[in-house]
């Protein structure tokens, strides 16, 4: 009998050691991996919020969707500790050792500036001198119960892109209950939940589902762990470091302003991009060199080469002209640039399209010098003749055939993505030698390629033909194609925010480096 019992116990122990235990260990390891992923996702989210100073619905939804890769469900707790600095006036005794009274600066500003506060009645009646301005620090905590309704709301939003006159015309009742609600781009529809520099932001997540490791442990131990099913617990927070939502303040859209107090200037803007080979840089925020103007009829080149663009046919109103740090086209305007007639080049643009199905113009030239030759970035509408290009941007380059004649059909690299209207894109077309390689004999050679990048996603082809330069006198044109001699065939409908032109081909790494700057600057 004892032998049978020993065998049964031995079998149970063997099953536990060789079957159950390895399975449990694997489930434990799975929970460890989930914890590591959840920790990384949470810290990235918090650091992103701290660096920006706000939470948007897109940021929060991405955080939640990223957590889903761990295959667990979570309770998420957010806490914003807002530090409020309230100006107050202290009145000291004549010997400056005793505080006689404390007053709200907003109520007694004039008295403070006069140097004396007089209270005529009540328990605090008297004359108060020796006034000192100071600040009271108070803290107030907000949780996801206050945060989520704001970022999900589209009601009563004052956009920082509102003109000063429009802002002044708003009724008090139309202002948001929370004054620090902002819209930072035209594509954003929901409110931002904003925080101030120095505030604290903290996130706690913990799994609310029962993991396999927990279930197995409870089965083995007969439920000794009780109802505690928390296996993944992350508590991470930090200090708000910036208020990037303030970078584009409410400005008077009818006057010039000097952004000297902005966090960036023209010099740092130019130097942040690749400068090797840069021959022209146009930026809507600094369209008049160091300042912005909504009436200027030229677009100043920030590269230092003096290649300014000339605006034609703009009305300079809410539809046609300078809006939101960009230049808006309605299909009749264009900007003429210099004749950049290079054998190798890179054209980069940040733009937004008003329509993807234009019955009047099936193809929109964003920037081009195509005129019996040349190249350009073209947005092909959904109704364009070429089915392979519909809804996509192409980098078109005209070539010379074996008979010495310009081909009627360009060499094209077509973007893979069907683009959307009213969404900002960073686009780059590069033609020329992009890198050095070694062939089998040890000789170095350069790859001559034609590259197209849409928001950092790069595609391309080897370029084995001869580039056909455009007709003489055909400069680059924003918003259309050049015509021989003068003018432009304009048809672009949308906003162009930035343009960069190089006299060489940027490599894939350089294109991606410039895109990362666009991504940060324009919230792509």
Protein backbone atom coordinates (compact mmCIF):
# COMPACT_ATOMS: atom_id res chain seq x y z
CA UNK A 1 0.00 0.00 0.00
CA UNK A 2 2.80 2.35 0.93
CA UNK A 3 4.48 1.60 -2.39
CA UNK A 4 1.35 2.52 -4.35
CA UNK A 5 1.01 5.79 -2.41
CA UNK A 6 4.64 6.59 -3.08
CA UNK A 7 4.14 5.95 -6.78
CA UNK A 8 1.07 8.21 -6.88
CA UNK A 9 2.95 10.98 -5.08
CA UNK A 10 5.93 10.52 -7.39
CA UNK A 11 3.69 10.74 -10.45
CA UNK A 12 2.06 13.93 -9.11
CA UNK A 13 5.46 15.49 -8.39
CA UNK A 14 6.71 14.49 -11.84
CA UNK A 15 3.64 16.01 -13.50
CA UNK A 16 4.13 19.21 -11.53
CA UNK A 17 7.87 19.41 -12.29
CA UNK A 18 7.87 18.33 -15.92
CA UNK A 19 4.52 19.66 -17.17
CA UNK A 20 2.75 22.16 -14.93
CA UNK A 21 5.81 24.05 -13.70
CA UNK A 22 7.26 24.76 -17.18
CA UNK A 23 3.85 25.97 -18.37
CA UNK A 24 3.52 28.21 -15.32
CA UNK A 25 7.04 29.59 -15.84
CA UNK A 26 6.22 30.39 -19.46
CA UNK A 27 3.08 32.23 -18.38
CA UNK A 28 5.10 34.11 -15.76
CA UNK A 29 7.60 35.11 -18.43
CA UNK A 30 4.73 36.29 -20.61
CA UNK A 31 3.54 38.53 -17.78
CA UNK A 32 7.09 39.85 -17.36
CA UNK A 33 7.24 40.72 -21.05
CA UNK A 34 3.82 42.39 -20.82
CA UNK A 35 5.01 44.42 -17.84
CA UNK A 36 8.14 45.54 -19.69
CA UNK A 37 6.08 46.59 -22.70
CA UNK A 38 3.48 48.35 -20.56
CA UNK A 39 6.24 50.19 -18.66
CA UNK A 40 7.87 51.37 -21.91
CA UNK A 41 4.53 52.45 -23.43
CA UNK A 42 3.51 54.33 -20.28
CA UNK A 43 6.84 56.10 -19.84
CA UNK A 44 6.82 57.13 -23.52
CA UNK A 45 3.30 58.52 -23.15
CA UNK A 46 4.11 60.47 -19.99
CA UNK A 47 7.38 61.83 -21.41
CA UNK A 48 5.56 62.88 -24.57
CA UNK A 49 2.95 64.74 -22.51
CA UNK A 50 5.65 66.35 -20.36
CA UNK A 51 7.56 67.50 -23.44
CA UNK A 52 4.44 68.99 -25.10
CA UNK A 53 2.48 70.24 -22.11
CA UNK A 54 -0.84 68.88 -23.33
CA UNK A 55 -2.90 65.76 -23.99
CA UNK A 56 -4.89 65.30 -27.19
CA UNK A 57 -7.41 62.61 -28.02
CA UNK A 58 -4.97 61.19 -30.59
CA UNK A 59 -2.20 60.94 -27.99
CA UNK A 60 -4.46 59.21 -25.47
CA UNK A 61 -6.04 56.85 -28.00
CA UNK A 62 -2.59 55.85 -29.26
CA UNK A 63 -1.54 55.15 -25.67
CA UNK A 64 -4.54 52.88 -25.14
CA UNK A 65 -4.09 51.09 -28.48
CA UNK A 66 -0.37 50.58 -27.79
CA UNK A 67 -1.20 48.96 -24.44
CA UNK A 68 -3.46 46.52 -26.29
CA UNK A 69 -0.39 44.80 -27.78
CA UNK A 70 0.25 43.29 -24.33
CA UNK A 71 -3.06 41.39 -24.71
CA UNK A 72 -4.27 42.63 -21.34
CA UNK A 73 -6.96 45.14 -20.36
CA UNK A 74 -6.06 47.94 -17.95
CA UNK A 75 -7.48 50.41 -15.52
CA UNK A 76 -5.83 53.74 -16.34
CA UNK A 77 -5.55 56.53 -13.79
CA UNK A 78 -4.23 59.93 -14.84
CA UNK A 79 -3.53 62.72 -12.39
CA UNK A 80 -2.59 66.30 -13.19
CA UNK A 81 -1.36 68.39 -10.27
CA UNK A 82 -1.78 72.01 -11.35
CA UNK A 83 0.34 74.55 -9.54
CA UNK A 84 -1.36 77.90 -9.29
CA UNK A 85 0.64 81.03 -8.57
CA UNK A 86 -1.74 83.71 -7.34
CA UNK A 87 -0.41 87.27 -7.03
CA UNK A 88 -1.06 88.74 -3.60
CA UNK A 89 -0.11 91.95 -1.79
CA UNK A 90 1.36 91.79 1.71
CA UNK A 91 1.25 94.79 4.01
CA UNK A 92 3.97 94.87 6.66
CA UNK A 93 4.28 96.76 9.89
CA UNK A 94 6.56 99.78 9.99
CA UNK A 95 9.44 97.66 11.27
CA UNK A 96 8.83 95.25 8.34
CA UNK A 97 8.73 92.27 10.73
CA UNK A 98 5.01 91.59 10.95
CA UNK A 99 2.45 90.94 8.21
CA UNK A 100 -0.58 93.14 8.86
CA UNK A 101 -2.69 91.98 5.93
CA UNK A 102 -2.84 90.05 2.68
CA UNK A 103 -4.83 91.25 -0.33
CA UNK A 104 -5.71 89.86 -3.77
CA UNK A 105 -3.57 91.71 -6.32
CA UNK A 106 -6.33 91.57 -8.95
CA UNK A 107 -8.65 93.52 -6.63
CA UNK A 108 -6.13 96.00 -5.29
CA UNK A 109 -3.80 96.55 -8.24
CA UNK A 110 -4.40 100.30 -8.42
CA UNK A 111 -3.94 100.72 -4.66
CA UNK A 112 -0.70 98.74 -4.78
CA UNK A 113 0.65 100.96 -7.54
CA UNK A 114 -0.34 104.01 -5.45
CA UNK A 115 1.54 102.54 -2.48
CA UNK A 116 -1.36 102.39 -0.01
CA UNK A 117 -4.48 100.31 0.59
CA UNK A 118 -7.37 101.84 2.55
CA UNK A 119 -10.17 99.66 3.94
CA UNK A 120 -13.05 101.82 5.11
CA UNK A 121 -15.21 99.31 6.98
CA UNK A 122 -15.30 95.88 8.52
CA UNK A 123 -12.95 94.01 10.82
CA UNK A 124 -9.97 94.87 8.61
CA UNK A 125 -10.68 98.61 8.37
CA UNK A 126 -7.56 100.73 8.34
CA UNK A 127 -4.72 102.06 6.22
CA UNK A 128 -2.12 99.60 5.01
CA UNK A 129 1.36 100.68 3.95
CA UNK A 130 4.69 98.95 3.25
CA UNK A 131 3.16 96.93 0.42
CA UNK A 132 5.06 94.00 -1.10
CA UNK A 133 3.94 91.99 -4.15
CA UNK A 134 4.34 88.23 -3.72
CA UNK A 135 2.74 84.98 -4.83
CA UNK A 136 0.74 82.31 -3.09
CA UNK A 137 1.33 78.79 -4.36
CA UNK A 138 -1.63 76.45 -4.36
CA UNK A 139 -2.15 73.05 -5.93
CA UNK A 140 -5.22 71.48 -7.45
CA UNK A 141 -5.49 67.93 -8.70
CA UNK A 142 -7.39 66.79 -11.78
CA UNK A 143 -7.99 63.17 -12.76
CA UNK A 144 -9.12 61.38 -15.89
CA UNK A 145 -12.69 62.30 -14.88
CA UNK A 146 -11.86 65.91 -15.80
CA UNK A 147 -9.25 65.23 -18.51
CA UNK A 148 -11.10 62.80 -20.78
CA UNK A 149 -14.29 64.89 -21.23
CA UNK A 150 -12.16 67.82 -22.43
CA UNK A 151 -10.13 65.94 -25.04
CA UNK A 152 -13.29 64.22 -26.28
CA UNK A 153 -15.16 67.50 -26.64
CA UNK A 154 -15.44 69.74 -29.69
CA UNK A 155 -17.69 72.36 -28.05
CA UNK A 156 -16.90 75.98 -27.23
CA UNK A 157 -13.32 75.95 -28.38
CA UNK A 158 -11.29 79.10 -28.88
CA UNK A 159 -8.66 78.26 -31.45
CA UNK A 160 -5.28 79.97 -31.20
CA UNK A 161 -5.50 80.46 -34.95
CA UNK A 162 -8.48 82.77 -34.45
CA UNK A 163 -7.80 86.31 -35.65
CA UNK A 164 -7.66 89.05 -33.04
CA UNK A 165 -10.80 90.72 -34.37
CA UNK A 166 -12.70 87.41 -34.28
CA UNK A 167 -11.47 86.78 -30.76
CA UNK A 168 -12.62 90.21 -29.57
CA UNK A 169 -16.05 89.66 -31.15
CA UNK A 170 -16.75 86.47 -29.17
CA UNK A 171 -19.44 86.70 -26.50
CA UNK A 172 -18.36 85.80 -22.99
CA UNK A 173 -20.83 82.93 -23.05
CA UNK A 174 -19.02 81.47 -26.05
CA UNK A 175 -15.69 81.18 -24.25
CA UNK A 176 -14.76 77.72 -22.92
CA UNK A 177 -15.22 76.94 -19.26
CA UNK A 178 -11.51 76.13 -19.09
CA UNK A 179 -9.51 78.99 -20.55
CA UNK A 180 -6.53 76.88 -21.60
CA UNK A 181 -8.25 74.86 -24.33
CA UNK A 182 -6.39 75.12 -27.60
CA UNK A 183 -6.47 73.87 -31.16
CA UNK A 184 -2.93 73.63 -32.53
CA UNK A 185 -3.66 72.75 -36.15
CA UNK A 186 -6.40 73.10 -38.70
CA UNK A 187 -6.87 69.32 -38.81
CA UNK A 188 -7.50 69.01 -35.10
CA UNK A 189 -11.17 68.84 -34.19
CA UNK A 190 -11.05 67.93 -30.48
CA UNK A 191 -9.90 70.13 -27.63
CA UNK A 192 -6.52 69.83 -25.97
CA UNK A 193 -6.17 69.36 -22.24
CA UNK A 194 -3.32 71.74 -21.49
CA UNK A 195 -0.95 72.01 -18.55
CA UNK A 196 1.54 74.63 -17.42
CA UNK A 197 5.27 74.30 -17.13
CA UNK A 198 6.13 73.06 -13.64
CA UNK A 199 2.87 71.11 -13.19
CA UNK A 200 3.04 67.41 -12.36
CA UNK A 201 1.54 64.66 -14.50
CA UNK A 202 1.26 61.06 -13.34
CA UNK A 203 -0.17 57.87 -14.86
CA UNK A 204 -0.97 54.60 -13.10
CA UNK A 205 -2.00 51.48 -14.98
CA UNK A 206 -2.84 48.05 -13.67
CA UNK A 207 -4.29 45.06 -15.39
CA UNK A 208 -7.94 44.32 -14.67
CA UNK A 209 -8.08 40.95 -16.38
CA UNK A 210 -6.89 37.72 -14.80
CA UNK A 211 -3.75 36.56 -16.56
CA UNK A 212 -3.04 32.92 -17.30
CA UNK A 213 -0.22 32.89 -14.77
CA UNK A 214 -2.60 34.13 -12.06
CA UNK A 215 -5.25 31.56 -12.98
CA UNK A 216 -2.73 28.76 -12.90
CA UNK A 217 -1.23 29.93 -9.60
CA UNK A 218 -4.68 30.11 -8.00
CA UNK A 219 -5.48 26.61 -9.27
CA UNK A 220 -2.24 25.15 -7.86
CA UNK A 221 -2.50 26.97 -4.50
CA UNK A 222 -6.29 26.50 -4.23
CA UNK A 223 -6.89 30.23 -4.30
CA UNK A 224 -4.44 31.23 -1.58
CA UNK A 225 -3.80 34.54 -3.42
CA UNK A 226 -7.43 35.57 -2.94
CA UNK A 227 -8.97 38.09 -5.32
CA UNK A 228 -5.73 39.93 -6.03
CA UNK A 229 -5.22 39.59 -9.80
CA UNK A 230 -2.85 42.54 -10.33
CA UNK A 231 0.23 41.31 -12.19
CA UNK A 232 1.10 44.46 -14.13
CA UNK A 233 1.29 47.68 -12.17
CA UNK A 234 3.04 50.79 -13.49
CA UNK A 235 3.22 54.13 -11.71
CA UNK A 236 5.11 56.80 -13.65
CA UNK A 237 5.07 60.57 -13.58
CA UNK A 238 7.10 63.70 -14.12
CA UNK A 239 7.16 67.46 -14.45
CA UNK A 240 5.73 69.39 -17.40
CA UNK A 241 8.73 70.84 -19.22
CA UNK A 242 7.15 72.97 -21.98
CA UNK A 243 3.94 74.57 -23.22
CA UNK A 244 4.20 73.91 -26.95
CA UNK A 245 0.54 74.72 -27.52
CA UNK A 246 1.48 78.37 -26.96
CA UNK A 247 3.98 78.39 -29.87
CA UNK A 248 1.32 79.78 -32.22
CA UNK A 249 -0.42 82.50 -30.27
CA UNK A 250 -3.51 84.48 -31.24
CA UNK A 251 -2.07 87.12 -33.54
CA UNK A 252 -3.54 90.02 -35.47
CA UNK A 253 -3.87 88.52 -38.94
CA UNK A 254 -3.89 91.96 -40.60
CA UNK A 255 -0.55 93.17 -39.27
CA UNK A 256 3.06 92.06 -39.19
CA UNK A 257 4.49 90.58 -36.05
CA UNK A 258 8.03 89.94 -34.95
CA UNK A 259 8.48 86.45 -33.49
CA UNK A 260 11.71 87.39 -31.69
CA UNK A 261 10.35 85.95 -28.47
CA UNK A 262 9.42 82.64 -30.08
CA UNK A 263 11.38 79.53 -29.20
CA UNK A 264 12.78 79.38 -32.72
CA UNK A 265 14.13 81.95 -35.15
CA UNK A 266 15.12 81.95 -38.80
CA UNK A 267 18.73 81.00 -38.10
CA UNK A 268 17.86 77.99 -35.97
CA UNK A 269 15.12 77.02 -38.43
CA UNK A 270 17.51 76.97 -41.40
CA UNK A 271 20.27 75.21 -39.49
CA UNK A 272 17.93 72.51 -38.22
CA UNK A 273 17.46 71.20 -41.78
CA UNK A 274 20.20 69.71 -43.98
CA UNK A 275 22.11 72.73 -45.31
CA UNK A 276 24.59 71.04 -47.66
CA UNK A 277 23.38 71.93 -51.17
CA UNK A 278 20.43 74.03 -49.95
CA UNK A 279 19.77 76.78 -52.49
CA UNK A 280 16.34 77.97 -51.35
CA UNK A 281 14.15 77.65 -48.25
CA UNK A 282 10.69 79.18 -47.96
CA UNK A 283 8.82 79.08 -44.64
CA UNK A 284 5.35 80.52 -44.08
CA UNK A 285 6.05 81.54 -40.50
CA UNK A 286 8.96 83.73 -41.63
CA UNK A 287 7.69 84.66 -45.08
CA UNK A 288 9.26 88.14 -44.83
CA UNK A 289 12.70 86.97 -43.62
CA UNK A 290 12.68 87.57 -39.84
CA UNK A 291 9.00 88.53 -39.55
CA UNK A 292 5.64 87.41 -40.89
CA UNK A 293 3.36 89.54 -43.03
CA UNK A 294 -0.11 88.73 -44.33
CA UNK A 295 0.14 91.32 -47.11
CA UNK A 296 3.58 90.69 -48.60
CA UNK A 297 3.57 89.74 -52.30
CA UNK A 298 6.92 87.92 -52.21
CA UNK A 299 8.15 84.89 -50.32
CA UNK A 300 11.61 85.54 -48.91
CA UNK A 301 14.28 82.87 -49.27
CA UNK A 302 15.73 82.01 -45.84
CA UNK A 303 18.74 80.08 -47.17
CA UNK A 304 20.77 83.28 -47.59
CA UNK A 305 20.97 82.93 -51.38
CA UNK A 306 18.42 85.64 -52.15
CA UNK A 307 16.18 83.40 -54.28
CA UNK A 308 12.92 85.09 -53.33
CA UNK A 309 9.62 83.95 -54.84
CA UNK A 310 7.11 86.29 -56.52
CA UNK A 311 3.39 85.87 -55.75
CA UNK A 312 0.86 86.25 -58.57
CA UNK A 313 -2.98 86.53 -58.62
CA UNK A 314 -3.47 86.32 -54.84
CA UNK A 315 -6.37 88.29 -53.33
CA UNK A 316 -4.85 88.36 -49.82
CA UNK A 317 -8.09 87.53 -48.06
CA UNK A 318 -9.26 84.59 -45.94
CA UNK A 319 -9.22 82.28 -48.97
CA UNK A 320 -6.42 83.46 -51.22
CA UNK A 321 -3.18 84.41 -49.50
CA UNK A 322 -1.32 84.00 -46.23
CA UNK A 323 -3.24 81.96 -43.64
CA UNK A 324 -2.07 80.02 -40.59
CA UNK A 325 1.67 80.32 -41.33
CA UNK A 326 1.17 79.03 -44.85
CA UNK A 327 0.14 80.24 -48.30
CA UNK A 328 -3.32 79.19 -49.48
CA UNK A 329 -4.07 78.61 -53.17
CA UNK A 330 -7.54 78.39 -54.75
CA UNK A 331 -6.47 77.17 -58.21
CA UNK A 332 -5.77 80.53 -59.85
CA UNK A 333 -2.60 81.66 -58.06
CA UNK A 334 1.06 80.74 -58.34
CA UNK A 335 4.49 81.66 -56.98
CA UNK A 336 7.35 82.04 -59.45
CA UNK A 337 10.80 80.93 -58.28
CA UNK A 338 14.21 81.16 -59.87
CA UNK A 339 15.29 78.92 -62.75
CA UNK A 340 16.98 76.22 -60.66
CA UNK A 341 18.31 74.25 -63.61
CA UNK A 342 20.28 71.43 -62.00
CA UNK A 343 21.19 67.97 -63.27
CA UNK A 344 20.62 66.68 -59.75
CA UNK A 345 18.17 68.07 -57.24
CA UNK A 346 15.90 67.56 -54.27
CA UNK A 347 12.50 69.25 -53.92
CA UNK A 348 10.79 69.13 -50.53
CA UNK A 349 7.45 70.60 -49.57
CA UNK A 350 5.04 70.61 -46.62
CA UNK A 351 1.49 70.99 -47.92
CA UNK A 352 -2.18 70.31 -47.32
CA UNK A 353 -4.73 69.62 -50.07
CA UNK A 354 -8.24 71.10 -50.07
CA UNK A 355 -9.67 68.43 -52.38
CA UNK A 356 -8.88 64.94 -53.64
CA UNK A 357 -11.46 64.91 -56.45
CA UNK A 358 -11.17 68.17 -58.38
CA UNK A 359 -13.34 68.05 -61.51
CA UNK A 360 -11.62 71.14 -62.93
CA UNK A 361 -8.01 69.99 -62.49
CA UNK A 362 -7.38 66.23 -62.23
CA UNK A 363 -3.69 66.88 -61.53
CA UNK A 364 -2.30 69.51 -59.14
CA UNK A 365 1.33 70.53 -59.57
CA UNK A 366 2.57 71.36 -56.09
CA UNK A 367 6.01 72.55 -57.16
CA UNK A 368 7.36 72.03 -60.67
CA UNK A 369 9.45 73.29 -63.57
CA UNK A 370 7.86 70.87 -66.06
CA UNK A 371 7.92 72.53 -69.48
CA UNK A 372 9.12 70.29 -72.34
CA UNK A 373 11.32 68.61 -69.74
CA UNK A 374 11.91 69.24 -66.05
CA UNK A 375 10.53 67.63 -62.92
CA UNK A 376 7.96 68.22 -60.23
CA UNK A 377 5.87 66.96 -57.35
CA UNK A 378 2.32 66.35 -58.51
CA UNK A 379 -0.82 65.46 -56.55
CA UNK A 380 -3.01 63.30 -58.79
CA UNK A 381 -6.70 63.63 -57.99
CA UNK A 382 -8.97 60.59 -57.69
CA UNK A 383 -10.38 61.37 -61.14
CA UNK A 384 -7.05 61.67 -62.98
CA UNK A 385 -6.58 59.62 -66.17
CA UNK A 386 -3.80 57.40 -64.82
CA UNK A 387 -5.52 54.84 -62.59
CA UNK A 388 -2.23 53.90 -60.89
CA UNK A 389 -1.71 57.47 -59.68
CA UNK A 390 -5.21 58.30 -58.48
CA UNK A 391 -5.25 59.92 -55.07
CA UNK A 392 -1.46 59.78 -54.80
CA UNK A 393 1.53 62.09 -55.09
CA UNK A 394 4.09 61.35 -57.81
CA UNK A 395 7.60 62.65 -58.40
CA UNK A 396 7.64 63.13 -62.18
CA UNK A 397 10.92 63.50 -64.08
CA UNK A 398 11.03 63.95 -67.86
CA UNK A 399 13.75 62.15 -69.79
CA UNK A 400 15.34 62.12 -73.26
CA UNK A 401 14.80 59.01 -75.38
CA UNK A 402 17.28 57.34 -77.75
CA UNK A 403 16.21 59.69 -80.56
CA UNK A 404 17.17 62.73 -78.52
CA UNK A 405 13.54 63.75 -78.01
CA UNK A 406 11.85 64.41 -74.68
CA UNK A 407 9.60 61.49 -73.74
CA UNK A 408 5.91 62.35 -73.64
CA UNK A 409 5.45 60.28 -70.48
CA UNK A 410 7.65 61.10 -67.45
CA UNK A 411 9.61 58.71 -65.31
CA UNK A 412 7.46 58.60 -62.17
CA UNK A 413 7.80 57.33 -58.64
CA UNK A 414 4.28 57.11 -57.23
CA UNK A 415 3.50 57.18 -53.53
CA UNK A 416 1.83 54.10 -52.11
CA UNK A 417 -0.63 55.99 -49.92
CA UNK A 418 -3.91 57.49 -51.11
CA UNK A 419 -3.81 60.93 -49.50
CA UNK A 420 -6.59 62.69 -47.64
CA UNK A 421 -7.89 66.22 -47.93
CA UNK A 422 -7.19 68.70 -45.12
CA UNK A 423 -4.25 66.73 -43.77
CA UNK A 424 -0.66 68.02 -43.70
CA UNK A 425 2.00 65.98 -45.52
CA UNK A 426 5.78 66.28 -45.78
CA UNK A 427 6.82 65.31 -49.34
CA UNK A 428 10.27 64.96 -50.88
CA UNK A 429 11.47 64.19 -54.42
CA UNK A 430 15.17 63.46 -54.93
CA UNK A 431 17.03 62.83 -58.20
CA UNK A 432 20.74 62.06 -58.55
CA UNK A 433 23.65 60.22 -56.94
CA UNK A 434 22.56 59.12 -53.49
CA UNK A 435 25.46 56.99 -52.19
CA UNK A 436 28.78 55.39 -53.01
CA UNK A 437 29.11 51.61 -53.43
CA UNK A 438 31.83 49.19 -54.49
CA UNK A 439 31.45 46.90 -57.47
CA UNK A 440 33.05 43.46 -57.83
CA UNK A 441 36.31 44.94 -59.16
CA UNK A 442 36.63 47.27 -56.16
CA UNK A 443 35.75 50.39 -58.14
CA UNK A 444 33.54 52.96 -56.41
CA UNK A 445 30.37 54.07 -58.16
CA UNK A 446 27.39 56.21 -57.22
CA UNK A 447 23.81 55.01 -57.36
CA UNK A 448 21.76 57.37 -59.52
CA UNK A 449 18.20 57.13 -58.28
CA UNK A 450 14.83 58.83 -58.27
CA UNK A 451 13.31 58.85 -54.77
CA UNK A 452 9.93 59.92 -53.40
CA UNK A 453 9.13 60.28 -49.71
CA UNK A 454 5.68 60.77 -48.17
CA UNK A 455 5.95 61.48 -44.43
CA UNK A 456 9.30 59.70 -44.22
CA UNK A 457 8.18 56.60 -46.14
CA UNK A 458 10.64 56.34 -49.04
CA UNK A 459 10.25 54.56 -52.37
CA UNK A 460 12.35 54.87 -55.50
CA UNK A 461 13.76 53.52 -58.73
CA UNK A 462 17.15 53.41 -60.41
CA UNK A 463 17.44 56.28 -62.86
CA UNK A 464 19.18 55.03 -66.01
CA UNK A 465 17.99 57.65 -68.50
CA UNK A 466 19.09 61.18 -69.32
CA UNK A 467 17.30 63.97 -67.48
CA UNK A 468 15.60 66.42 -69.86
CA UNK A 469 16.02 69.96 -68.60
CA UNK A 470 12.98 72.22 -69.04
CA UNK A 471 12.61 74.84 -71.76
CA UNK A 472 14.79 77.92 -71.38
CA UNK A 473 13.37 80.49 -68.98
CA UNK A 474 11.20 77.99 -67.13
CA UNK A 475 11.68 78.64 -63.44
CA UNK A 476 10.20 76.54 -60.68
CA UNK A 477 6.58 77.36 -59.85
CA UNK A 478 4.64 76.73 -56.66
CA UNK A 479 1.03 75.88 -57.35
CA UNK A 480 1.32 75.17 -61.07
CA UNK A 481 3.44 74.46 -64.15
CA UNK A 482 5.62 77.09 -65.83
CA UNK A 483 4.89 78.26 -69.36
CA UNK A 484 7.69 79.19 -71.73
CA UNK A 485 8.41 82.87 -71.43
CA UNK A 486 6.16 84.02 -68.59
CA UNK A 487 3.23 83.18 -66.33
CA UNK A 488 2.15 79.82 -65.02
CA UNK A 489 -0.56 77.25 -65.56
CA UNK A 490 -1.96 77.37 -62.01
CA UNK A 491 -4.31 74.79 -60.58
CA UNK A 492 -3.20 73.87 -57.04
CA UNK A 493 -5.86 74.06 -54.33
CA UNK A 494 -4.54 73.87 -50.82
CA UNK A 495 -1.94 75.32 -48.47
CA UNK A 496 1.84 75.24 -48.85
CA UNK A 497 3.68 75.73 -45.56
CA UNK A 498 7.31 75.17 -46.48
CA UNK A 499 9.50 74.51 -49.54
CA UNK A 500 13.17 73.47 -49.74
CA UNK A 501 15.22 73.08 -52.92
CA UNK A 502 18.68 71.48 -53.10
CA UNK A 503 21.19 71.31 -55.95
CA UNK A 504 21.96 67.67 -55.17
CA UNK A 505 20.17 64.46 -54.30
CA UNK A 506 19.58 63.98 -50.59
CA UNK A 507 20.18 60.47 -49.31
CA UNK A 508 17.43 58.43 -47.68
CA UNK A 509 18.93 59.21 -44.27
CA UNK A 510 18.95 62.95 -44.98
CA UNK A 511 15.37 62.89 -46.27
CA UNK A 512 14.24 61.17 -43.08
CA UNK A 513 16.21 63.66 -40.97
CA UNK A 514 14.42 66.59 -42.61
CA UNK A 515 11.08 64.81 -42.24
CA UNK A 516 11.56 64.44 -38.48
CA UNK A 517 11.91 68.23 -38.25
CA UNK A 518 8.74 68.72 -40.34
CA UNK A 519 6.95 66.18 -38.19
CA UNK A 520 7.75 68.11 -35.02
CA UNK A 521 7.17 71.57 -36.48
CA UNK A 522 3.86 70.87 -38.19
CA UNK A 523 2.45 68.13 -35.96
CA UNK A 524 2.35 65.57 -38.77
